[in-house]
Amino acid sequence: MCHPLRRTTAAAGETAAAMTARAVEELTAPCEEGGISEMLNAIKEQNDRIIERLSTAQEEDLQTQRMKLVPQKTERALHRTVQTLDQTWDLGKPFTAPENKVINTEIIKQMRATDKVTPVFILTKSMKTYYNTKVREQKRKQAGVQSQTLVKQRRLQRRHEVGINCFQIH
């Protein structure tokens, strides 16, 4: 039988030189065709299992990345980028509307010029969140409730800051 990984054990009273010669003879002897094909099939099956495990691990990693929060520096950079643009989103149309897609690609292009590490799907997630915030803001302005909302936001922010500061050691 031909198997390159087969271990040879010493027979009773066999010297090391005789055992080495027997191992070399087994390895250099012509292999049986059935043995080679069985070995190749086993290797192929093992490779398929490894590839399947890797693809599953990559999919799980991608899912956990999509669930992560967008970093604050990315959000701030996005807000600055949107403010510097000549055009803004058409808030009356969906985020994926053709008019807004042009602006989205421009934002991504400018963001990628400064930040090449952040994946595009995180930038898109951040853009969509900012777009939805702008839509809600516009609706509040039209309803005349924007000033009340700002007062509530500022009050909550002060409470949050007080809560954080009370745990700091002076």
Foldseek 3Di string as FASTA:
>chain_A
DEDLPDDFDDDPPDDPVRSVVVNVCNHPPDDDPVVVVVVVVVVVVVVVVVVVVVVVVVVVVVVVVLPDAQDPVLLVLLVVLQVPDPDHDPLVDDCPDPVNVVVLVVSLVVSCVPDVPDDPVSNVVSVNVVSVVVSVCVVCVVVVCNVVVVVVVVVVVVVVVVVVVVPDDD
